[in-house]
Amino acid sequence: INNVLSSLRRDITNLQNDLKITRRIRKGDQEESVINYIENLKQKARKFYFAKMRPVLCPECKTWIASVWSLYPQDDQSRVIIHCRRRLVDGTLCKGVVKKTIHELYKEKNEELPETID
């Protein structure tokens, strides 16, 4: 039992070191408040999210209609077709359609994206 407990403590310590959340690192950042720490985590999560995922905006109503993640983004043959079908203010359905290859989605930049993801 002692060997198992020792192994578990070692695994926890290694995990904390990998995530940089050890007591020594936290105490070294005394001026960093909890709010600043959470905001920093949000920014890192946003950066990671947009490095992996590609948001797709409807060309008609500019609504975020999908997020695409591809294991092979350089693949020129894979194609996605996404229909918006969002109900507009006047009660009609949006008829926006996105037809792109995965490569095109990963190549383009969306400047219309919001600064924060809630």
C-alpha atoms as a PDB file:
ATOM      1  CA  ILE A   1       0.000   0.000   0.000  1.00  0.00           C
ATOM      2  CA  ASN A   2       2.865   2.359   0.802  1.00  0.00           C
ATOM      3  CA  ASN A   3       4.347   1.800  -2.652  1.00  0.00           C
ATOM      4  CA  VAL A   4       1.010   2.577  -4.299  1.00  0.00           C
ATOM      5  CA  LEU A   5       0.591   5.767  -2.235  1.00  0.00           C
ATOM      6  CA  SER A   6       4.139   6.842  -3.024  1.00  0.00           C
ATOM      7  CA  SER A   7       3.560   6.215  -6.727  1.00  0.00           C
ATOM      8  CA  LEU A   8       0.333   8.234  -6.673  1.00  0.00           C
ATOM      9  CA  ARG A   9       2.043  11.157  -4.894  1.00  0.00           C
ATOM     10  CA  ARG A  10       4.839  11.077  -7.473  1.00  0.00           C
ATOM     11  CA  ASP A  11       2.270  11.092 -10.317  1.00  0.00           C
ATOM     12  CA  ILE A  12       0.464  14.067  -8.770  1.00  0.00           C
ATOM     13  CA  THR A  13       3.744  15.950  -8.384  1.00  0.00           C
ATOM     14  CA  ASN A  14       4.676  15.245 -12.006  1.00  0.00           C
ATOM     15  CA  LEU A  15       1.256  16.412 -13.177  1.00  0.00           C
ATOM     16  CA  GLN A  16       1.572  19.642 -11.162  1.00  0.00           C
ATOM     17  CA  ASN A  17       5.029  20.246 -12.610  1.00  0.00           C
ATOM     18  CA  ASP A  18       3.761  19.679 -16.155  1.00  0.00           C
ATOM     19  CA  LEU A  19       0.835  22.068 -15.641  1.00  0.00           C
ATOM     20  CA  LYS A  20       3.040  24.560 -13.749  1.00  0.00           C
ATOM     21  CA  ILE A  21       0.688  24.726 -10.784  1.00  0.00           C
ATOM     22  CA  THR A  22       3.056  23.658  -8.019  1.00  0.00           C
ATOM     23  CA  ARG A  23       3.010  25.507  -4.712  1.00  0.00           C
ATOM     24  CA  ARG A  24       6.468  26.971  -5.391  1.00  0.00           C
ATOM     25  CA  ILE A  25       5.370  28.453  -8.743  1.00  0.00           C
ATOM     26  CA  ARG A  26       2.117  29.811  -7.271  1.00  0.00           C
ATOM     27  CA  LYS A  27       3.972  31.402  -4.335  1.00  0.00           C
ATOM     28  CA  GLY A  28       6.524  32.888  -6.735  1.00  0.00           C
ATOM     29  CA  ASP A  29       3.720  34.785  -8.494  1.00  0.00           C
ATOM     30  CA  GLN A  30       2.461  36.618  -5.394  1.00  0.00           C
ATOM     31  CA  GLU A  31       1.363  39.704  -7.342  1.00  0.00           C
ATOM     32  CA  GLU A  32      -0.855  37.577  -9.564  1.00  0.00           C
ATOM     33  CA  SER A  33      -4.387  37.539  -8.210  1.00  0.00           C
ATOM     34  CA  VAL A  34      -6.919  34.794  -8.770  1.00  0.00           C
ATOM     35  CA  ILE A  35      -8.771  36.993 -11.261  1.00  0.00           C
ATOM     36  CA  ASN A  36      -5.591  37.619 -13.266  1.00  0.00           C
ATOM     37  CA  TYR A  37      -4.759  33.911 -13.158  1.00  0.00           C
ATOM     38  CA  ILE A  38      -8.203  32.986 -14.511  1.00  0.00           C
ATOM     39  CA  GLU A  39      -7.974  35.651 -17.233  1.00  0.00           C
ATOM     40  CA  ASN A  40      -4.567  34.300 -18.218  1.00  0.00           C
ATOM     41  CA  LEU A  41      -6.018  30.780 -18.431  1.00  0.00           C
ATOM     42  CA  LYS A  42      -8.873  32.078 -20.611  1.00  0.00           C
ATOM     43  CA  GLN A  43      -6.410  33.698 -23.008  1.00  0.00           C
ATOM     44  CA  LYS A  44      -4.368  30.503 -23.227  1.00  0.00           C
ATOM     45  CA  ALA A  45      -7.527  28.472 -23.835  1.00  0.00           C
ATOM     46  CA  ARG A  46      -8.634  30.893 -26.587  1.00  0.00           C
ATOM     47  CA  LYS A  47      -5.228  30.665 -28.273  1.00  0.00           C
ATOM     48  CA  PHE A  48      -5.282  26.852 -28.084  1.00  0.00           C
ATOM     49  CA  TYR A  49      -8.885  26.698 -29.341  1.00  0.00           C
ATOM     50  CA  PHE A  50      -8.214  28.835 -32.414  1.00  0.00           C
ATOM     51  CA  ALA A  51      -4.985  26.960 -33.147  1.00  0.00           C
ATOM     52  CA  LYS A  52      -7.006  23.745 -33.477  1.00  0.00           C
ATOM     53  CA  MET A  53     -10.523  24.800 -34.476  1.00  0.00           C
ATOM     54  CA  ARG A  54     -11.699  26.823 -37.440  1.00  0.00           C
ATOM     55  CA  PRO A  55     -14.874  28.840 -36.905  1.00  0.00           C
ATOM     56  CA  VAL A  56     -17.267  29.016 -39.848  1.00  0.00           C
ATOM     57  CA  LEU A  57     -19.397  32.128 -40.296  1.00  0.00           C
ATOM     58  CA  CYS A  58     -22.550  32.270 -42.385  1.00  0.00           C
ATOM     59  CA  PRO A  59     -21.904  34.444 -45.465  1.00  0.00           C
ATOM     60  CA  GLU A  60     -25.439  35.876 -45.264  1.00  0.00           C
ATOM     61  CA  CYS A  61     -26.145  36.684 -41.605  1.00  0.00           C
ATOM     62  CA  LYS A  62     -22.547  36.539 -40.245  1.00  0.00           C
ATOM     63  CA  THR A  63     -23.545  34.111 -37.478  1.00  0.00           C
ATOM     64  CA  TRP A  64     -21.053  31.601 -36.151  1.00  0.00           C
ATOM     65  CA  ILE A  65     -22.594  28.374 -37.449  1.00  0.00           C
ATOM     66  CA  ALA A  66     -19.883  25.773 -36.936  1.00  0.00           C
ATOM     67  CA  SER A  67     -16.432  24.996 -35.610  1.00  0.00           C
ATOM     68  CA  VAL A  68     -14.345  22.603 -37.669  1.00  0.00           C
ATOM     69  CA  TRP A  69     -11.361  20.609 -36.497  1.00  0.00           C
ATOM     70  CA  SER A  70      -9.535  18.442 -38.971  1.00  0.00           C
ATOM     71  CA  LEU A  71      -6.796  15.954 -38.308  1.00  0.00           C
ATOM     72  CA  TYR A  72      -5.463  16.576 -41.812  1.00  0.00           C
ATOM     73  CA  PRO A  73      -5.964  20.298 -42.619  1.00  0.00           C
ATOM     74  CA  GLN A  74      -3.785  20.149 -45.756  1.00  0.00           C
ATOM     75  CA  ASP A  75      -6.140  17.654 -47.379  1.00  0.00           C
ATOM     76  CA  ASP A  76      -7.392  19.326 -50.585  1.00  0.00           C
ATOM     77  CA  GLN A  77     -10.075  16.726 -51.276  1.00  0.00           C
ATOM     78  CA  SER A  78     -12.186  16.833 -48.107  1.00  0.00           C
ATOM     79  CA  ARG A  79     -15.066  19.282 -48.462  1.00  0.00           C
ATOM     80  CA  VAL A  80     -17.664  20.543 -45.995  1.00  0.00           C
ATOM     81  CA  ILE A  81     -21.084  21.917 -46.843  1.00  0.00           C
ATOM     82  CA  ILE A  82     -22.808  23.762 -44.007  1.00  0.00           C
ATOM     83  CA  HIS A  83     -26.302  25.254 -44.203  1.00  0.00           C
ATOM     84  CA  CYS A  84     -27.169  28.061 -41.783  1.00  0.00           C
ATOM     85  CA  ARG A  85     -30.980  27.807 -41.415  1.00  0.00           C
ATOM     86  CA  ARG A  86     -30.987  30.418 -38.621  1.00  0.00           C
ATOM     87  CA  ARG A  87     -34.354  32.068 -37.992  1.00  0.00           C
ATOM     88  CA  LEU A  88     -34.015  35.759 -38.819  1.00  0.00           C
ATOM     89  CA  VAL A  89     -35.832  38.670 -37.168  1.00  0.00           C
ATOM     90  CA  ASP A  90     -38.517  38.726 -39.869  1.00  0.00           C
ATOM     91  CA  GLY A  91     -39.279  35.024 -39.252  1.00  0.00           C
ATOM     92  CA  THR A  92     -37.668  33.653 -42.423  1.00  0.00           C
ATOM     93  CA  LEU A  93     -34.836  31.164 -42.426  1.00  0.00           C
ATOM     94  CA  CYS A  94     -31.351  32.227 -43.477  1.00  0.00           C
ATOM     95  CA  LYS A  95     -30.306  30.518 -46.695  1.00  0.00           C
ATOM     96  CA  GLY A  96     -26.566  30.925 -46.223  1.00  0.00           C
ATOM     97  CA  VAL A  97     -24.451  27.997 -47.393  1.00  0.00           C
ATOM     98  CA  VAL A  98     -20.737  27.467 -46.909  1.00  0.00           C
ATOM     99  CA  LYS A  99     -19.046  25.102 -49.376  1.00  0.00           C
ATOM    100  CA  LYS A 100     -15.313  24.880 -48.800  1.00  0.00           C
ATOM    101  CA  THR A 101     -12.516  22.394 -48.644  1.00  0.00           C
ATOM    102  CA  ILE A 102     -10.852  21.796 -45.293  1.00  0.00           C
ATOM    103  CA  HIS A 103      -7.706  23.360 -46.705  1.00  0.00           C
ATOM    104  CA  GLU A 104      -9.607  26.577 -47.573  1.00  0.00           C
ATOM    105  CA  LEU A 105     -11.097  26.762 -44.075  1.00  0.00           C
ATOM    106  CA  TYR A 106      -7.692  26.517 -42.422  1.00  0.00           C
ATOM    107  CA  LYS A 107      -6.162  28.998 -44.861  1.00  0.00           C
ATOM    108  CA  GLU A 108      -8.631  31.848 -44.285  1.00  0.00           C
ATOM    109  CA  LYS A 109      -8.700  34.214 -41.333  1.00  0.00           C
ATOM    110  CA  ASN A 110     -11.959  35.447 -39.819  1.00  0.00           C
ATOM    111  CA  GLU A 111     -11.548  39.071 -38.764  1.00  0.00           C
ATOM    112  CA  GLU A 112     -15.228  39.267 -37.794  1.00  0.00           C
ATOM    113  CA  LEU A 113     -14.892  36.957 -34.796  1.00  0.00           C
ATOM    114  CA  PRO A 114     -15.659  38.331 -31.335  1.00  0.00           C
ATOM    115  CA  GLU A 115     -12.727  39.080 -29.046  1.00  0.00           C
ATOM    116  CA  THR A 116     -14.017  36.895 -26.237  1.00  0.00           C
ATOM    117  CA  ILE A 117     -15.771  33.574 -26.174  1.00  0.00           C
ATOM    118  CA  ASP A 118     -18.434  33.408 -23.503  1.00  0.00           C
END
